[in-house]
Amino acid sequence: MDAMNTGIPWSLIAPLIGLQLILAVIGLISLYKAEATRGPKWLWVIIIVCGNILGSVAYFVIGRKDAS
């Protein structure tokens, strides 16, 4: 069987994988630079890394504290 003919729609999956990696890297950098978060930082690392796209989005929506 040809490797390119596996039936997996790579044209749809590749952008999602790229988006997931970009969000995870940006989320981890933001978490590293943050002085305070809602909850322990180690837990947010696990959520961002294991939570795929939703983990990163959850950190940006819930986890970050306002700078004020």
C-alpha atoms as a PDB file:
ATOM      1  CA  MET A   1       0.000   0.000   0.000  1.00  0.00           C
ATOM      2  CA  ASP A   2       1.287   3.441  -0.892  1.00  0.00           C
ATOM      3  CA  ALA A   3       2.185   5.653   2.088  1.00  0.00           C
ATOM      4  CA  MET A   4       0.513   8.681   0.511  1.00  0.00           C
ATOM      5  CA  ASN A   5      -2.723   6.785  -0.089  1.00  0.00           C
ATOM      6  CA  THR A   6      -3.690   5.900   3.504  1.00  0.00           C
ATOM      7  CA  GLY A   7      -7.024   7.690   3.444  1.00  0.00           C
ATOM      8  CA  ILE A   8      -5.967  10.253   6.044  1.00  0.00           C
ATOM      9  CA  PRO A   9      -6.858  13.792   4.908  1.00  0.00           C
ATOM     10  CA  TRP A  10      -3.474  15.377   5.708  1.00  0.00           C
ATOM     11  CA  SER A  11      -4.559  18.660   4.133  1.00  0.00           C
ATOM     12  CA  LEU A  12      -7.067  19.003   6.989  1.00  0.00           C
ATOM     13  CA  ILE A  13      -5.007  17.527   9.819  1.00  0.00           C
ATOM     14  CA  ALA A  14      -1.708  19.362   9.219  1.00  0.00           C
ATOM     15  CA  PRO A  15      -3.080  22.874   9.928  1.00  0.00           C
ATOM     16  CA  LEU A  16      -4.685  21.644  13.167  1.00  0.00           C
ATOM     17  CA  ILE A  17      -1.405  20.119  14.317  1.00  0.00           C
ATOM     18  CA  GLY A  18       0.393  23.351  13.461  1.00  0.00           C
ATOM     19  CA  LEU A  19      -2.203  25.415  15.334  1.00  0.00           C
ATOM     20  CA  GLN A  20      -1.918  23.131  18.350  1.00  0.00           C
ATOM     21  CA  LEU A  21       1.877  23.441  18.445  1.00  0.00           C
ATOM     22  CA  ILE A  22       1.806  27.221  18.024  1.00  0.00           C
ATOM     23  CA  LEU A  23      -0.789  27.664  20.788  1.00  0.00           C
ATOM     24  CA  ALA A  24       1.110  25.345  23.132  1.00  0.00           C
ATOM     25  CA  VAL A  25       4.421  27.164  22.609  1.00  0.00           C
ATOM     26  CA  ILE A  26       2.848  30.617  23.021  1.00  0.00           C
ATOM     27  CA  GLY A  27       0.935  29.411  26.092  1.00  0.00           C
ATOM     28  CA  LEU A  28       4.040  27.952  27.723  1.00  0.00           C
ATOM     29  CA  ILE A  29       6.056  31.119  27.038  1.00  0.00           C
ATOM     30  CA  SER A  30       3.254  33.262  28.460  1.00  0.00           C
ATOM     31  CA  LEU A  31       3.014  30.988  31.506  1.00  0.00           C
ATOM     32  CA  TYR A  32       6.774  31.190  32.063  1.00  0.00           C
ATOM     33  CA  LYS A  33       6.710  34.995  31.962  1.00  0.00           C
ATOM     34  CA  ALA A  34       3.586  35.331  34.146  1.00  0.00           C
ATOM     35  CA  GLU A  35       4.158  36.464  37.709  1.00  0.00           C
ATOM     36  CA  ALA A  36       0.858  35.033  38.970  1.00  0.00           C
ATOM     37  CA  THR A  37      -1.734  32.624  37.623  1.00  0.00           C
ATOM     38  CA  ARG A  38      -5.040  31.252  38.763  1.00  0.00           C
ATOM     39  CA  GLY A  39      -3.798  27.959  40.136  1.00  0.00           C
ATOM     40  CA  PRO A  40      -0.304  26.465  40.327  1.00  0.00           C
ATOM     41  CA  LYS A  41       1.948  26.874  37.292  1.00  0.00           C
ATOM     42  CA  TRP A  42       2.870  23.189  37.205  1.00  0.00           C
ATOM     43  CA  LEU A  43      -0.800  22.311  36.758  1.00  0.00           C
ATOM     44  CA  TRP A  44      -1.144  24.774  33.874  1.00  0.00           C
ATOM     45  CA  VAL A  45       1.895  23.202  32.189  1.00  0.00           C
ATOM     46  CA  ILE A  46       0.155  19.813  32.301  1.00  0.00           C
ATOM     47  CA  ILE A  47      -3.121  21.292  31.032  1.00  0.00           C
ATOM     48  CA  ILE A  48      -1.419  23.134  28.149  1.00  0.00           C
ATOM     49  CA  VAL A  49       0.710  20.165  27.084  1.00  0.00           C
ATOM     50  CA  CYS A  50      -1.898  17.407  27.514  1.00  0.00           C
ATOM     51  CA  GLY A  51      -5.021  19.422  26.747  1.00  0.00           C
ATOM     52  CA  ASN A  52      -4.197  19.969  23.085  1.00  0.00           C
ATOM     53  CA  ILE A  53      -5.857  23.085  21.660  1.00  0.00           C
ATOM     54  CA  LEU A  54      -8.433  23.343  24.449  1.00  0.00           C
ATOM     55  CA  GLY A  55      -5.756  23.320  27.155  1.00  0.00           C
ATOM     56  CA  SER A  56      -4.016  26.345  25.669  1.00  0.00           C
ATOM     57  CA  VAL A  57      -7.281  28.186  25.145  1.00  0.00           C
ATOM     58  CA  ALA A  58      -8.324  27.404  28.734  1.00  0.00           C
ATOM     59  CA  TYR A  59      -5.072  28.904  30.030  1.00  0.00           C
ATOM     60  CA  PHE A  60      -5.565  32.126  28.056  1.00  0.00           C
ATOM     61  CA  VAL A  61      -9.219  32.450  29.101  1.00  0.00           C
ATOM     62  CA  ILE A  62      -9.116  31.209  32.710  1.00  0.00           C
ATOM     63  CA  GLY A  63      -5.530  30.835  33.898  1.00  0.00           C
ATOM     64  CA  ARG A  64      -4.016  34.258  33.381  1.00  0.00           C
ATOM     65  CA  LYS A  65      -4.479  36.910  36.037  1.00  0.00           C
ATOM     66  CA  ASP A  66      -4.863  40.547  35.089  1.00  0.00           C
ATOM     67  CA  ALA A  67      -1.763  42.678  35.441  1.00  0.00           C
ATOM     68  CA  SER A  68      -3.657  45.304  37.453  1.00  0.00           C
END
